[in-house]
């Protein structure tokens, strides 16, 4: 666990967000989110299924409207 830092606590919300972005951008994507062989196979399977039936999904606008209706 990271200890609290007075220097960090003195930053504004905008400054903290900018710092988080800089930290995130400094990560090596392969190390930050490694893709296992199992995950790669699942992603390949999903891509093939989407390519085989591109009309199987629903448009973003329809999904958004459905989700908004659920929370009202």
C-alpha atoms as a PDB file:
ATOM      1  CA  UNK A   1       0.000   0.000   0.000  1.00  0.00           C
ATOM      2  CA  UNK A   2       1.217   3.497  -0.794  1.00  0.00           C
ATOM      3  CA  UNK A   3       1.609   5.881   2.118  1.00  0.00           C
ATOM      4  CA  UNK A   4      -0.158   9.233   2.002  1.00  0.00           C
ATOM      5  CA  UNK A   5       2.047  12.042   0.824  1.00  0.00           C
ATOM      6  CA  UNK A   6       1.614  15.658   1.903  1.00  0.00           C
ATOM      7  CA  UNK A   7       2.996  16.727  -1.478  1.00  0.00           C
ATOM      8  CA  UNK A   8       0.317  14.734  -3.301  1.00  0.00           C
ATOM      9  CA  UNK A   9      -2.404  15.857  -0.917  1.00  0.00           C
ATOM     10  CA  UNK A  10      -1.588  19.477  -1.754  1.00  0.00           C
ATOM     11  CA  UNK A  11      -2.326  18.961  -5.459  1.00  0.00           C
ATOM     12  CA  UNK A  12      -5.624  20.092  -6.914  1.00  0.00           C
ATOM     13  CA  UNK A  13      -7.985  17.556  -8.448  1.00  0.00           C
ATOM     14  CA  UNK A  14      -6.929  18.654 -11.935  1.00  0.00           C
ATOM     15  CA  UNK A  15      -3.252  18.270 -11.035  1.00  0.00           C
ATOM     16  CA  UNK A  16      -3.852  14.793  -9.602  1.00  0.00           C
ATOM     17  CA  UNK A  17      -5.722  13.721 -12.732  1.00  0.00           C
ATOM     18  CA  UNK A  18      -2.903  15.034 -14.918  1.00  0.00           C
ATOM     19  CA  UNK A  19      -0.386  13.128 -12.781  1.00  0.00           C
ATOM     20  CA  UNK A  20      -2.418   9.932 -13.076  1.00  0.00           C
ATOM     21  CA  UNK A  21      -2.458  10.366 -16.841  1.00  0.00           C
ATOM     22  CA  UNK A  22       1.300  10.825 -16.957  1.00  0.00           C
ATOM     23  CA  UNK A  23       1.795   7.731 -14.763  1.00  0.00           C
ATOM     24  CA  UNK A  24      -0.592   5.679 -16.908  1.00  0.00           C
ATOM     25  CA  UNK A  25       1.132   6.778 -20.112  1.00  0.00           C
ATOM     26  CA  UNK A  26       4.510   5.790 -18.660  1.00  0.00           C
ATOM     27  CA  UNK A  27       3.467   2.139 -18.260  1.00  0.00           C
ATOM     28  CA  UNK A  28       4.526  -0.495 -20.752  1.00  0.00           C
ATOM     29  CA  UNK A  29       1.172  -1.802 -22.062  1.00  0.00           C
ATOM     30  CA  UNK A  30       2.441  -5.378 -22.214  1.00  0.00           C
ATOM     31  CA  UNK A  31       3.473  -5.260 -18.573  1.00  0.00           C
ATOM     32  CA  UNK A  32       0.459  -3.273 -17.353  1.00  0.00           C
ATOM     33  CA  UNK A  33      -2.142  -5.546 -18.946  1.00  0.00           C
ATOM     34  CA  UNK A  34      -0.517  -8.788 -20.060  1.00  0.00           C
ATOM     35  CA  UNK A  35      -2.464 -10.850 -22.561  1.00  0.00           C
ATOM     36  CA  UNK A  36      -2.346 -14.515 -21.697  1.00  0.00           C
ATOM     37  CA  UNK A  37      -2.651 -17.193 -24.367  1.00  0.00           C
ATOM     38  CA  UNK A  38      -6.117 -17.984 -23.003  1.00  0.00           C
ATOM     39  CA  UNK A  39      -7.227 -14.355 -23.263  1.00  0.00           C
ATOM     40  CA  UNK A  40      -5.764 -14.015 -26.767  1.00  0.00           C
ATOM     41  CA  UNK A  41      -7.699 -17.110 -27.858  1.00  0.00           C
ATOM     42  CA  UNK A  42     -10.934 -15.725 -26.390  1.00  0.00           C
ATOM     43  CA  UNK A  43     -10.425 -12.368 -28.099  1.00  0.00           C
ATOM     44  CA  UNK A  44      -9.762 -14.146 -31.399  1.00  0.00           C
ATOM     45  CA  UNK A  45     -12.925 -16.233 -30.934  1.00  0.00           C
ATOM     46  CA  UNK A  46     -15.023 -13.139 -30.247  1.00  0.00           C
ATOM     47  CA  UNK A  47     -13.552 -11.293 -33.220  1.00  0.00           C
ATOM     48  CA  UNK A  48     -14.315 -14.235 -35.515  1.00  0.00           C
ATOM     49  CA  UNK A  49     -17.886 -14.420 -34.193  1.00  0.00           C
ATOM     50  CA  UNK A  50     -18.387 -10.699 -34.767  1.00  0.00           C
ATOM     51  CA  UNK A  51     -16.944 -10.927 -38.279  1.00  0.00           C
ATOM     52  CA  UNK A  52     -19.170 -13.930 -39.077  1.00  0.00           C
ATOM     53  CA  UNK A  53     -22.370 -12.105 -38.076  1.00  0.00           C
ATOM     54  CA  UNK A  54     -21.874  -8.319 -38.045  1.00  0.00           C
ATOM     55  CA  UNK A  55     -25.609  -7.704 -37.582  1.00  0.00           C
ATOM     56  CA  UNK A  56     -25.791  -9.753 -34.364  1.00  0.00           C
ATOM     57  CA  UNK A  57     -25.202  -6.793 -32.089  1.00  0.00           C
ATOM     58  CA  UNK A  58     -27.269  -3.696 -31.538  1.00  0.00           C
ATOM     59  CA  UNK A  59     -26.240  -0.141 -32.361  1.00  0.00           C
ATOM     60  CA  UNK A  60     -24.727   1.939 -29.551  1.00  0.00           C
ATOM     61  CA  UNK A  61     -27.578   4.463 -29.703  1.00  0.00           C
ATOM     62  CA  UNK A  62     -30.147   1.702 -29.117  1.00  0.00           C
ATOM     63  CA  UNK A  63     -28.187   0.238 -26.213  1.00  0.00           C
ATOM     64  CA  UNK A  64     -27.687   3.680 -24.674  1.00  0.00           C
ATOM     65  CA  UNK A  65     -31.402   4.437 -24.909  1.00  0.00           C
ATOM     66  CA  UNK A  66     -32.284   1.056 -23.381  1.00  0.00           C
ATOM     67  CA  UNK A  67     -29.913   1.587 -20.462  1.00  0.00           C
ATOM     68  CA  UNK A  68     -31.184   5.105 -19.868  1.00  0.00           C
ATOM     69  CA  UNK A  69     -34.765   3.802 -19.810  1.00  0.00           C
ATOM     70  CA  UNK A  70     -33.806   1.222 -17.174  1.00  0.00           C
ATOM     71  CA  UNK A  71     -32.463   3.822 -14.763  1.00  0.00           C
ATOM     72  CA  UNK A  72     -35.405   6.198 -15.033  1.00  0.00           C
END
